[in-house]
Amino acid sequence: MKVNDVIEKCEKDLTTEELIDLVANHNRQVDLIFAEKKSDEDGYLSWDAENWTSVDGKRFIRSYSLEGRVLSDYSGYNKYDMKGYFEPEKAKEVRLN
């Protein structure tokens, strides 16, 4: 998928696994911007952008934004959970910071 690398100021073609590796092992962050608003299963939280970071290469944090405002909610995941929750292929834009 096409990824806009903000630091190196270029576009890269990366897989989901390569993005996870960059976040886990190379101190990078990934922003996913969606075309439509998403909601959790309870309808409590709505967002249109996600920011993914790694604490130590094994644990990941997903922060949420809605219409340009960062929300106070976040979710924590281990590396085995990423396959079910980290979905850059569904984003309209993927940024690597």
Protein backbone atom coordinates (compact mmCIF):
# COMPACT_ATOMS: atom_id res chain seq x y z
CA MET A 1 0.00 0.00 0.00
CA LYS A 2 1.09 3.59 -0.54
CA VAL A 3 2.49 5.24 2.59
CA ASN A 4 3.44 8.90 2.87
CA ASP A 5 6.70 9.08 4.88
CA VAL A 6 6.57 12.51 6.53
CA ILE A 7 10.15 12.35 7.88
CA GLU A 8 11.89 11.25 4.68
CA LYS A 9 9.44 13.29 2.56
CA CYS A 10 8.68 10.52 0.08
CA GLU A 11 6.05 7.94 -0.76
CA LYS A 12 6.77 4.28 -0.03
CA ASP A 13 5.06 1.05 -0.95
CA LEU A 14 4.88 -0.99 2.30
CA THR A 15 2.98 -3.99 3.61
CA THR A 16 1.10 -4.10 6.91
CA GLU A 17 3.88 -6.25 8.41
CA GLU A 18 6.53 -3.73 7.34
CA LEU A 19 4.56 -0.90 8.97
CA ILE A 20 4.26 -2.88 12.22
CA ASP A 21 8.02 -3.52 12.14
CA LEU A 22 8.78 0.19 11.66
CA VAL A 23 6.56 1.09 14.62
CA ALA A 24 7.86 -1.72 16.86
CA ASN A 25 11.56 -1.66 16.06
CA HIS A 26 12.41 1.70 14.48
CA ASN A 27 10.63 4.22 16.76
CA ARG A 28 8.17 5.39 14.09
CA GLN A 29 4.46 6.25 14.32
CA VAL A 30 1.69 5.53 11.84
CA ASP A 31 -1.34 7.78 11.26
CA LEU A 32 -4.36 6.24 9.56
CA ILE A 33 -6.90 8.68 8.11
CA PHE A 34 -10.26 7.21 7.15
CA ALA A 35 -12.76 8.45 4.59
CA GLU A 36 -15.71 7.82 6.93
CA LYS A 37 -16.23 8.02 10.66
CA LYS A 38 -15.77 4.73 12.55
CA SER A 39 -17.41 3.70 15.83
CA ASP A 40 -16.77 1.04 18.44
CA GLU A 41 -19.25 -1.80 18.98
CA ASP A 42 -20.97 0.04 21.85
CA GLY A 43 -21.35 3.32 19.97
CA TYR A 44 -19.43 5.08 22.74
CA LEU A 45 -16.44 6.18 20.67
CA SER A 46 -16.36 7.64 17.16
CA TRP A 47 -13.21 8.59 15.24
CA ASP A 48 -11.93 9.28 11.73
CA ALA A 49 -8.17 8.95 12.37
CA GLU A 50 -5.88 6.70 14.40
CA ASN A 51 -2.30 7.14 15.60
CA TRP A 52 -0.31 3.98 16.34
CA THR A 53 2.84 3.96 18.49
CA SER A 54 4.83 1.31 20.32
CA VAL A 55 5.88 1.35 23.94
CA ASP A 56 8.64 -1.25 23.80
CA GLY A 57 8.33 -3.13 20.51
CA LYS A 58 5.82 -5.58 22.00
CA ARG A 59 3.03 -3.31 23.21
CA PHE A 60 1.19 -0.83 21.00
CA ILE A 61 -1.06 2.16 21.69
CA ARG A 62 -3.82 3.35 19.37
CA SER A 63 -4.94 6.96 19.90
CA TYR A 64 -8.04 8.37 18.24
CA SER A 65 -8.92 11.67 16.53
CA LEU A 66 -12.21 13.05 15.28
CA GLU A 67 -12.40 15.96 12.84
CA GLY A 68 -8.87 17.08 13.70
CA ARG A 69 -9.26 16.86 17.50
CA VAL A 70 -7.31 14.25 19.46
CA LEU A 71 -9.62 12.32 21.78
CA SER A 72 -8.66 11.33 25.33
CA ASP A 73 -9.49 7.66 24.68
CA TYR A 74 -6.85 5.15 23.65
CA SER A 75 -6.46 1.37 23.39
CA GLY A 76 -3.52 -0.90 24.19
CA TYR A 77 -2.55 -4.02 22.26
CA ASN A 78 0.19 -6.62 22.23
CA LYS A 79 1.93 -7.60 18.99
CA TYR A 80 -0.35 -10.62 18.53
CA ASP A 81 -3.49 -8.42 18.59
CA MET A 82 -2.26 -6.17 15.79
CA LYS A 83 -3.55 -8.46 13.06
CA GLY A 84 -7.15 -7.91 14.15
CA TYR A 85 -7.01 -4.17 14.92
CA PHE A 86 -4.28 -2.50 12.85
CA GLU A 87 -5.91 -2.10 9.43
CA PRO A 88 -3.98 0.38 7.27
CA GLU A 89 -5.44 -1.15 4.11
CA LYS A 90 -8.85 0.33 5.06
CA ALA A 91 -7.50 3.88 5.46
CA LYS A 92 -7.78 6.49 2.72
CA GLU A 93 -4.35 7.83 3.73
CA VAL A 94 -1.45 6.29 5.66
CA ARG A 95 1.27 8.55 7.11
CA LEU A 96 4.53 7.35 8.59
CA ASN A 97 6.01 9.77 11.16
